[in-house]
PDB file of N, CA and C in Angstrom:
ATOM      1  N   MET A   1       0.863  -1.168   0.000  1.00  0.00           N
ATOM      2  CA  MET A   1       0.000   0.000   0.000  1.00  0.00           C
ATOM      3  C   MET A   1       0.908   1.228   0.000  1.00  0.00           C
ATOM      4  N   GLY A   2       0.880   1.964  -1.076  1.00  0.00           N
ATOM      5  CA  GLY A   2       1.707   3.153  -1.200  1.00  0.00           C
ATOM      6  C   GLY A   2       1.126   4.344  -0.447  1.00  0.00           C
ATOM      7  N   ILE A   3       1.975   5.296  -0.208  1.00  0.00           N
ATOM      8  CA  ILE A   3       1.567   6.531   0.475  1.00  0.00           C
ATOM      9  C   ILE A   3       1.366   7.606  -0.581  1.00  0.00           C
ATOM     10  N   CYS A   4       0.215   8.287  -0.502  1.00  0.00           N
ATOM     11  CA  CYS A   4      -0.159   9.286  -1.505  1.00  0.00           C
ATOM     12  C   CYS A   4      -0.441  10.627  -0.847  1.00  0.00           C
ATOM     13  N   VAL A   5      -0.429  11.675  -1.665  1.00  0.00           N
ATOM     14  CA  VAL A   5      -0.819  13.002  -1.201  1.00  0.00           C
ATOM     15  C   VAL A   5      -2.224  12.906  -0.602  1.00  0.00           C
ATOM     16  N   GLY A   6      -2.398  13.531   0.561  1.00  0.00           N
ATOM     17  CA  GLY A   6      -3.682  13.508   1.261  1.00  0.00           C
ATOM     18  C   GLY A   6      -3.783  12.439   2.330  1.00  0.00           C
ATOM     19  N   ASP A   7      -2.847  11.478   2.343  1.00  0.00           N
ATOM     20  CA  ASP A   7      -2.879  10.406   3.348  1.00  0.00           C
ATOM     21  C   ASP A   7      -2.455  10.918   4.717  1.00  0.00           C
ATOM     22  N   LEU A   8      -3.093  10.387   5.748  1.00  0.00           N
ATOM     23  CA  LEU A   8      -2.677  10.614   7.133  1.00  0.00           C
ATOM     24  C   LEU A   8      -1.590   9.594   7.435  1.00  0.00           C
ATOM     25  N   VAL A   9      -0.431  10.066   7.920  1.00  0.00           N
ATOM     26  CA  VAL A   9       0.713   9.180   8.129  1.00  0.00           C
ATOM     27  C   VAL A   9       1.363   9.420   9.485  1.00  0.00           C
ATOM     28  N   ARG A  10       2.177   8.448   9.872  1.00  0.00           N
ATOM     29  CA  ARG A  10       3.047   8.578  11.043  1.00  0.00           C
ATOM     30  C   ARG A  10       4.478   8.397  10.536  1.00  0.00           C
ATOM     31  N   SER A  11       5.345   9.350  10.857  1.00  0.00           N
ATOM     32  CA  SER A  11       6.740   9.293  10.454  1.00  0.00           C
ATOM     33  C   SER A  11       7.598   9.160  11.705  1.00  0.00           C
ATOM     34  N   TYR A  12       8.270   8.027  11.819  1.00  0.00           N
ATOM     35  CA  TYR A  12       9.090   7.741  12.994  1.00  0.00           C
ATOM     36  C   TYR A  12      10.447   8.425  12.889  1.00  0.00           C
ATOM     37  N   ASP A  13      10.970   8.867  14.022  1.00  0.00           N
ATOM     38  CA  ASP A  13      12.294   9.485  14.058  1.00  0.00           C
ATOM     39  C   ASP A  13      13.393   8.453  13.837  1.00  0.00           C
ATOM     40  N   PHE A  14      13.144   7.223  14.251  1.00  0.00           N
ATOM     41  CA  PHE A  14      14.151   6.165  14.163  1.00  0.00           C
ATOM     42  C   PHE A  14      13.539   4.955  13.480  1.00  0.00           C
ATOM     43  N   ASN A  15      14.203   4.447  12.456  1.00  0.00           N
ATOM     44  CA  ASN A  15      13.667   3.330  11.681  1.00  0.00           C
ATOM     45  C   ASN A  15      13.495   2.067  12.521  1.00  0.00           C
ATOM     46  N   SER A  16      14.330   1.877  13.515  1.00  0.00           N
ATOM     47  CA  SER A  16      14.278   0.655  14.310  1.00  0.00           C
ATOM     48  C   SER A  16      13.316   0.747  15.499  1.00  0.00           C
ATOM     49  N   ARG A  17      12.760   1.924  15.772  1.00  0.00           N
ATOM     50  CA  ARG A  17      11.853   2.112  16.914  1.00  0.00           C
ATOM     51  C   ARG A  17      10.471   2.465  16.399  1.00  0.00           C
ATOM     52  N   ARG A  18       9.482   1.650  16.736  1.00  0.00           N
ATOM     53  CA  ARG A  18       8.116   1.883  16.282  1.00  0.00           C
ATOM     54  C   ARG A  18       7.144   1.998  17.450  1.00  0.00           C
ATOM     55  N   ASP A  19       7.659   2.399  18.620  1.00  0.00           N
ATOM     56  CA  ASP A  19       6.791   2.571  19.783  1.00  0.00           C
ATOM     57  C   ASP A  19       5.809   3.708  19.524  1.00  0.00           C
ATOM     58  N   ILE A  20       4.564   3.509  19.933  1.00  0.00           N
ATOM     59  CA  ILE A  20       3.547   4.544  19.811  1.00  0.00           C
ATOM     60  C   ILE A  20       3.301   5.198  21.166  1.00  0.00           C
ATOM     61  N   GLU A  21       3.627   4.490  22.230  1.00  0.00           N
ATOM     62  CA  GLU A  21       3.493   5.008  23.598  1.00  0.00           C
ATOM     63  C   GLU A  21       4.778   4.725  24.363  1.00  0.00           C
ATOM     64  N   GLY A  22       4.958   5.425  25.466  1.00  0.00           N
ATOM     65  CA  GLY A  22       6.095   5.185  26.338  1.00  0.00           C
ATOM     66  C   GLY A  22       7.317   5.986  25.941  1.00  0.00           C
ATOM     67  N   PRO A  23       8.409   5.843  26.705  1.00  0.00           N
ATOM     68  CA  PRO A  23       9.591   6.679  26.517  1.00  0.00           C
ATOM     69  C   PRO A  23      10.297   6.485  25.171  1.00  0.00           C
ATOM     70  N   GLY A  24      10.037   5.380  24.492  1.00  0.00           N
ATOM     71  CA  GLY A  24      10.656   5.142  23.187  1.00  0.00           C
ATOM     72  C   GLY A  24       9.875   5.708  22.018  1.00  0.00           C
ATOM     73  N   ALA A  25       8.710   6.309  22.273  1.00  0.00           N
ATOM     74  CA  ALA A  25       7.860   6.828  21.199  1.00  0.00           C
ATOM     75  C   ALA A  25       8.368   8.186  20.731  1.00  0.00           C
ATOM     76  N   CYS A  26       8.810   8.245  19.477  1.00  0.00           N
ATOM     77  CA  CYS A  26       9.304   9.489  18.864  1.00  0.00           C
ATOM     78  C   CYS A  26       8.848   9.513  17.408  1.00  0.00           C
ATOM     79  N   TYR A  27       7.868  10.365  17.106  1.00  0.00           N
ATOM     80  CA  TYR A  27       7.327  10.415  15.755  1.00  0.00           C
ATOM     81  C   TYR A  27       6.486  11.672  15.566  1.00  0.00           C
ATOM     82  N   ILE A  28       6.134  11.922  14.300  1.00  0.00           N
ATOM     83  CA  ILE A  28       5.125  12.932  13.997  1.00  0.00           C
ATOM     84  C   ILE A  28       3.968  12.229  13.301  1.00  0.00           C
ATOM     85  N   GLU A  29       2.804  12.804  13.409  1.00  0.00           N
ATOM     86  CA  GLU A  29       1.666  12.400  12.606  1.00  0.00           C
ATOM     87  C   GLU A  29       1.254  13.619  11.794  1.00  0.00           C
ATOM     88  N   GLY A  30       0.754  13.376  10.604  1.00  0.00           N
ATOM     89  CA  GLY A  30       0.335  14.492   9.778  1.00  0.00           C
ATOM     90  C   GLY A  30      -0.192  14.036   8.441  1.00  0.00           C
ATOM     91  N   VAL A  31      -0.444  15.009   7.589  1.00  0.00           N
ATOM     92  CA  VAL A  31      -1.012  14.768   6.266  1.00  0.00           C
ATOM     93  C   VAL A  31       0.048  15.054   5.205  1.00  0.00           C
ATOM     94  N   VAL A  32       0.186  14.122   4.258  1.00  0.00           N
ATOM     95  CA  VAL A  32       1.119  14.317   3.153  1.00  0.00           C
ATOM     96  C   VAL A  32       0.562  15.411   2.246  1.00  0.00           C
ATOM     97  N   GLN A  33       1.309  16.510   2.110  1.00  0.00           N
ATOM     98  CA  GLN A  33       0.896  17.650   1.292  1.00  0.00           C
ATOM     99  C   GLN A  33       1.335  17.483  -0.167  1.00  0.00           C
ATOM    100  N   GLU A  34       2.538  16.956  -0.343  1.00  0.00           N
ATOM    101  CA  GLU A  34       3.077  16.720  -1.684  1.00  0.00           C
ATOM    102  C   GLU A  34       4.340  15.883  -1.546  1.00  0.00           C
ATOM    103  N   ILE A  35       4.860  15.441  -2.679  1.00  0.00           N
ATOM    104  CA  ILE A  35       6.148  14.757  -2.710  1.00  0.00           C
ATOM    105  C   ILE A  35       7.089  15.674  -3.478  1.00  0.00           C
ATOM    106  N   VAL A  36       8.209  16.007  -2.851  1.00  0.00           N
ATOM    107  CA  VAL A  36       9.144  16.987  -3.414  1.00  0.00           C
ATOM    108  C   VAL A  36      10.525  16.360  -3.578  1.00  0.00           C
ATOM    109  N   HIS A  37      11.331  16.955  -4.440  1.00  0.00           N
ATOM    110  CA  HIS A  37      12.728  16.540  -4.565  1.00  0.00           C
ATOM    111  C   HIS A  37      13.563  17.538  -3.767  1.00  0.00           C
ATOM    112  N   ALA A  38      14.239  17.050  -2.737  1.00  0.00           N
ATOM    113  CA  ALA A  38      15.050  17.908  -1.872  1.00  0.00           C
ATOM    114  C   ALA A  38      16.196  17.094  -1.291  1.00  0.00           C
ATOM    115  N   SER A  39      17.323  17.728  -1.093  1.00  0.00           N
ATOM    116  CA  SER A  39      18.508  17.082  -0.497  1.00  0.00           C
ATOM    117  C   SER A  39      18.877  15.793  -1.220  1.00  0.00           C
ATOM    118  N   GLY A  40      18.708  15.772  -2.531  1.00  0.00           N
ATOM    119  CA  GLY A  40      19.166  14.649  -3.336  1.00  0.00           C
ATOM    120  C   GLY A  40      18.222  13.481  -3.487  1.00  0.00           C
ATOM    121  N   CYS A  41      16.993  13.580  -2.974  1.00  0.00           N
ATOM    122  CA  CYS A  41      16.059  12.466  -3.120  1.00  0.00           C
ATOM    123  C   CYS A  41      14.618  12.951  -3.025  1.00  0.00           C
ATOM    124  N   GLU A  42      13.700  12.043  -3.339  1.00  0.00           N
ATOM    125  CA  GLU A  42      12.278  12.341  -3.204  1.00  0.00           C
ATOM    126  C   GLU A  42      11.903  12.270  -1.726  1.00  0.00           C
ATOM    127  N   ARG A  43      11.081  13.223  -1.295  1.00  0.00           N
ATOM    128  CA  ARG A  43      10.687  13.298   0.116  1.00  0.00           C
ATOM    129  C   ARG A  43       9.200  13.622   0.228  1.00  0.00           C
ATOM    130  N   TYR A  44       8.601  13.073   1.298  1.00  0.00           N
ATOM    131  CA  TYR A  44       7.233  13.447   1.624  1.00  0.00           C
ATOM    132  C   TYR A  44       7.264  14.817   2.309  1.00  0.00           C
ATOM    133  N   LYS A  45       6.378  15.697   1.926  1.00  0.00           N
ATOM    134  CA  LYS A  45       6.181  16.939   2.676  1.00  0.00           C
ATOM    135  C   LYS A  45       4.955  16.692   3.543  1.00  0.00           C
ATOM    136  N   ILE A  46       5.174  16.604   4.855  1.00  0.00           N
ATOM    137  CA  ILE A  46       4.110  16.261   5.799  1.00  0.00           C
ATOM    138  C   ILE A  46       3.823  17.458   6.696  1.00  0.00           C
ATOM    139  N   ARG A  47       2.568  17.886   6.719  1.00  0.00           N
ATOM    140  CA  ARG A  47       2.144  18.951   7.653  1.00  0.00           C
ATOM    141  C   ARG A  47       1.787  18.279   8.968  1.00  0.00           C
ATOM    142  N   CYS A  48       2.543  18.609   9.997  1.00  0.00           N
ATOM    143  CA  CYS A  48       2.407  17.964  11.307  1.00  0.00           C
ATOM    144  C   CYS A  48       1.083  18.328  11.977  1.00  0.00           C
ATOM    145  N   THR A  49       0.382  17.304  12.456  1.00  0.00           N
ATOM    146  CA  THR A  49      -0.821  17.503  13.262  1.00  0.00           C
ATOM    147  C   THR A  49      -0.605  17.059  14.703  1.00  0.00           C
ATOM    148  N   ARG A  50       0.482  16.286  14.919  1.00  0.00           N
ATOM    149  CA  ARG A  50       0.802  15.789  16.266  1.00  0.00           C
ATOM    150  C   ARG A  50       2.269  15.388  16.293  1.00  0.00           C
ATOM    151  N   ARG A  51       2.971  15.736  17.368  1.00  0.00           N
ATOM    152  CA  ARG A  51       4.381  15.362  17.543  1.00  0.00           C
ATOM    153  C   ARG A  51       4.531  14.707  18.902  1.00  0.00           C
ATOM    154  N   VAL A  52       5.210  13.571  18.945  1.00  0.00           N
ATOM    155  CA  VAL A  52       5.468  12.863  20.195  1.00  0.00           C
ATOM    156  C   VAL A  52       6.981  12.692  20.332  1.00  0.00           C
ATOM    157  N   VAL A  53       7.526  13.142  21.452  1.00  0.00           N
ATOM    158  CA  VAL A  53       8.958  13.049  21.731  1.00  0.00           C
ATOM    159  C   VAL A  53       9.123  12.335  23.066  1.00  0.00           C
ATOM    160  N   ALA A  54       9.813  11.194  23.046  1.00  0.00           N
ATOM    161  CA  ALA A  54      10.031  10.392  24.258  1.00  0.00           C
ATOM    162  C   ALA A  54       8.714  10.115  24.990  1.00  0.00           C
ATOM    163  N   GLY A  55       7.666   9.848  24.196  1.00  0.00           N
ATOM    164  CA  GLY A  55       6.377   9.479  24.763  1.00  0.00           C
ATOM    165  C   GLY A  55       5.499  10.636  25.200  1.00  0.00           C
ATOM    166  N   VAL A  56       5.957  11.869  25.016  1.00  0.00           N
ATOM    167  CA  VAL A  56       5.214  13.046  25.463  1.00  0.00           C
ATOM    168  C   VAL A  56       4.791  13.866  24.243  1.00  0.00           C
ATOM    169  N   THR A  57       3.513  14.251  24.178  1.00  0.00           N
ATOM    170  CA  THR A  57       3.024  15.076  23.082  1.00  0.00           C
ATOM    171  C   THR A  57       3.605  16.478  23.193  1.00  0.00           C
ATOM    172  N   ASP A  58       4.115  16.970  22.059  1.00  0.00           N
ATOM    173  CA  ASP A  58       4.716  18.308  21.984  1.00  0.00           C
ATOM    174  C   ASP A  58       3.935  19.100  20.937  1.00  0.00           C
ATOM    175  N   ASP A  59       3.085  20.020  21.377  1.00  0.00           N
ATOM    176  CA  ASP A  59       2.218  20.769  20.465  1.00  0.00           C
ATOM    177  C   ASP A  59       2.930  21.899  19.729  1.00  0.00           C
ATOM    178  N   THR A  60       4.190  22.168  20.027  1.00  0.00           N
ATOM    179  CA  THR A  60       4.874  23.307  19.405  1.00  0.00           C
ATOM    180  C   THR A  60       5.137  23.092  17.918  1.00  0.00           C
ATOM    181  N   ASP A  61       5.103  21.856  17.432  1.00  0.00           N
ATOM    182  CA  ASP A  61       5.405  21.577  16.023  1.00  0.00           C
ATOM    183  C   ASP A  61       4.162  21.439  15.145  1.00  0.00           C
ATOM    184  N   VAL A  62       2.968  21.598  15.703  1.00  0.00           N
ATOM    185  CA  VAL A  62       1.747  21.484  14.906  1.00  0.00           C
ATOM    186  C   VAL A  62       1.797  22.525  13.792  1.00  0.00           C
ATOM    187  N   ASP A  63       1.465  22.102  12.587  1.00  0.00           N
ATOM    188  CA  ASP A  63       1.468  22.887  11.345  1.00  0.00           C
ATOM    189  C   ASP A  63       2.854  23.085  10.739  1.00  0.00           C
ATOM    190  N   ARG A  64       3.904  22.615  11.395  1.00  0.00           N
ATOM    191  CA  ARG A  64       5.247  22.645  10.813  1.00  0.00           C
ATOM    192  C   ARG A  64       5.347  21.562   9.737  1.00  0.00           C
ATOM    193  N   SER A  65       6.149  21.787   8.711  1.00  0.00           N
ATOM    194  CA  SER A  65       6.354  20.778   7.669  1.00  0.00           C
ATOM    195  C   SER A  65       7.605  19.959   7.956  1.00  0.00           C
ATOM    196  N   TYR A  66       7.492  18.655   7.733  1.00  0.00           N
ATOM    197  CA  TYR A  66       8.614  17.724   7.854  1.00  0.00           C
ATOM    198  C   TYR A  66       8.829  17.068   6.497  1.00  0.00           C
ATOM    199  N   PHE A  67      10.058  16.656   6.224  1.00  0.00           N
ATOM    200  CA  PHE A  67      10.423  16.145   4.909  1.00  0.00           C
ATOM    201  C   PHE A  67      11.207  14.826   4.994  1.00  0.00           C
ATOM    202  N   PRO A  68      10.607  13.748   5.479  1.00  0.00           N
ATOM    203  CA  PRO A  68      11.331  12.471   5.512  1.00  0.00           C
ATOM    204  C   PRO A  68      11.448  11.877   4.104  1.00  0.00           C
ATOM    205  N   PRO A  69      12.510  11.109   3.845  1.00  0.00           N
ATOM    206  CA  PRO A  69      12.659  10.479   2.528  1.00  0.00           C
ATOM    207  C   PRO A  69      11.497   9.531   2.235  1.00  0.00           C
ATOM    208  N   VAL A  70      11.133   9.461   0.964  1.00  0.00           N
ATOM    209  CA  VAL A  70      10.112   8.521   0.525  1.00  0.00           C
ATOM    210  C   VAL A  70      10.575   7.106   0.867  1.00  0.00           C
ATOM    211  N   ASN A  71       9.662   6.284   1.348  1.00  0.00           N
ATOM    212  CA  ASN A  71       9.996   4.887   1.661  1.00  0.00           C
ATOM    213  C   ASN A  71      10.653   4.221   0.453  1.00  0.00           C
ATOM    214  N   GLY A  72      11.712   3.457   0.715  1.00  0.00           N
ATOM    215  CA  GLY A  72      12.439   2.768  -0.342  1.00  0.00           C
ATOM    216  C   GLY A  72      13.662   3.518  -0.828  1.00  0.00           C
ATOM    217  N   THR A  73      13.916   4.708  -0.275  1.00  0.00           N
ATOM    218  CA  THR A  73      15.105   5.469  -0.633  1.00  0.00           C
ATOM    219  C   THR A  73      16.329   4.789  -0.005  1.00  0.00           C
ATOM    220  N   PRO A  74      17.395   4.547  -0.786  1.00  0.00           N
ATOM    221  CA  PRO A  74      18.593   3.923  -0.216  1.00  0.00           C
ATOM    222  C   PRO A  74      19.201   4.781   0.897  1.00  0.00           C
ATOM    223  N   THR A  75      19.702   4.117   1.936  1.00  0.00           N
ATOM    224  CA  THR A  75      20.376   4.784   3.044  1.00  0.00           C
ATOM    225  C   THR A  75      21.888   4.662   2.868  1.00  0.00           C
ATOM    226  N   VAL A  76      22.636   5.391   3.662  1.00  0.00           N
ATOM    227  CA  VAL A  76      24.096   5.308   3.592  1.00  0.00           C
ATOM    228  C   VAL A  76      24.614   3.969   4.122  1.00  0.00           C
ATOM    229  N   TYR A  77      23.758   3.208   4.780  1.00  0.00           N
ATOM    230  CA  TYR A  77      24.173   1.919   5.361  1.00  0.00           C
ATOM    231  C   TYR A  77      23.658   0.738   4.553  1.00  0.00           C
ATOM    232  N   ASP A  78      23.438   0.928   3.248  1.00  0.00           N
ATOM    233  CA  ASP A  78      23.005  -0.134   2.329  1.00  0.00           C
ATOM    234  C   ASP A  78      21.616  -0.688   2.646  1.00  0.00           C
ATOM    235  N   GLY A  79      20.803   0.074   3.320  1.00  0.00           N
ATOM    236  CA  GLY A  79      19.417  -0.333   3.553  1.00  0.00           C
ATOM    237  C   GLY A  79      18.478   0.578   2.777  1.00  0.00           C
ATOM    238  N   LEU A  80      17.197   0.434   3.060  1.00  0.00           N
ATOM    239  CA  LEU A  80      16.178   1.271   2.447  1.00  0.00           C
ATOM    240  C   LEU A  80      15.345   1.927   3.533  1.00  0.00           C
ATOM    241  N   THR A  81      14.960   3.169   3.324  1.00  0.00           N
ATOM    242  CA  THR A  81      14.142   3.856   4.324  1.00  0.00           C
ATOM    243  C   THR A  81      12.734   3.269   4.361  1.00  0.00           C
ATOM    244  N   SER A  82      12.160   3.296   5.547  1.00  0.00           N
ATOM    245  CA  SER A  82      10.759   2.885   5.743  1.00  0.00           C
ATOM    246  C   SER A  82      10.223   3.561   6.997  1.00  0.00           C
ATOM    247  N   PHE A  83      10.534   4.835   7.145  1.00  0.00           N
ATOM    248  CA  PHE A  83      10.174   5.579   8.351  1.00  0.00           C
ATOM    249  C   PHE A  83       8.701   5.966   8.409  1.00  0.00           C
ATOM    250  N   VAL A  84       8.027   6.010   7.267  1.00  0.00           N
ATOM    251  CA  VAL A  84       6.682   6.568   7.182  1.00  0.00           C
ATOM    252  C   VAL A  84       5.670   5.448   6.934  1.00  0.00           C
ATOM    253  N   GLU A  85       4.597   5.458   7.734  1.00  0.00           N
ATOM    254  CA  GLU A  85       3.526   4.487   7.509  1.00  0.00           C
ATOM    255  C   GLU A  85       2.181   5.197   7.478  1.00  0.00           C
ATOM    256  N   LYS A  86       1.303   4.669   6.661  1.00  0.00           N
ATOM    257  CA  LYS A  86      -0.039   5.215   6.540  1.00  0.00           C
ATOM    258  C   LYS A  86      -0.841   4.822   7.778  1.00  0.00           C
ATOM    259  N   ILE A  87      -1.599   5.778   8.312  1.00  0.00           N
ATOM    260  CA  ILE A  87      -2.483   5.502   9.448  1.00  0.00           C
ATOM    261  C   ILE A  87      -3.838   5.137   8.869  1.00  0.00           C
ATOM    262  N   LEU A  88      -4.269   3.932   9.129  1.00  0.00           N
ATOM    263  CA  LEU A  88      -5.560   3.477   8.631  1.00  0.00           C
ATOM    264  C   LEU A  88      -6.661   4.035   9.506  1.00  0.00           C
ATOM    265  N   GLU A  89      -7.606   4.694   8.871  1.00  0.00           N
ATOM    266  CA  GLU A  89      -8.690   5.342   9.636  1.00  0.00           C
ATOM    267  C   GLU A  89      -9.822   4.389   9.899  1.00  0.00           C
TER     268      GLU A  89
END
């Protein structure tokens, strides 16, 4: 299931951590506004609706844009990014 403009998504700060609650939870939730080319690769432009840092909601980033690489982008460690997942409503 691909991620498209208009989708509600969760973008994790760390690829290996997928906690939604507790001290390991670090992510943003938001809506994909567009897909842009920036910093050498395709990236999701996500308008933040919720930010969680170490399990605590941080409202200061609401409406800020984040630009994580599109899933499947090669990493410097010979892997592929998969930081962003669609939130099923």
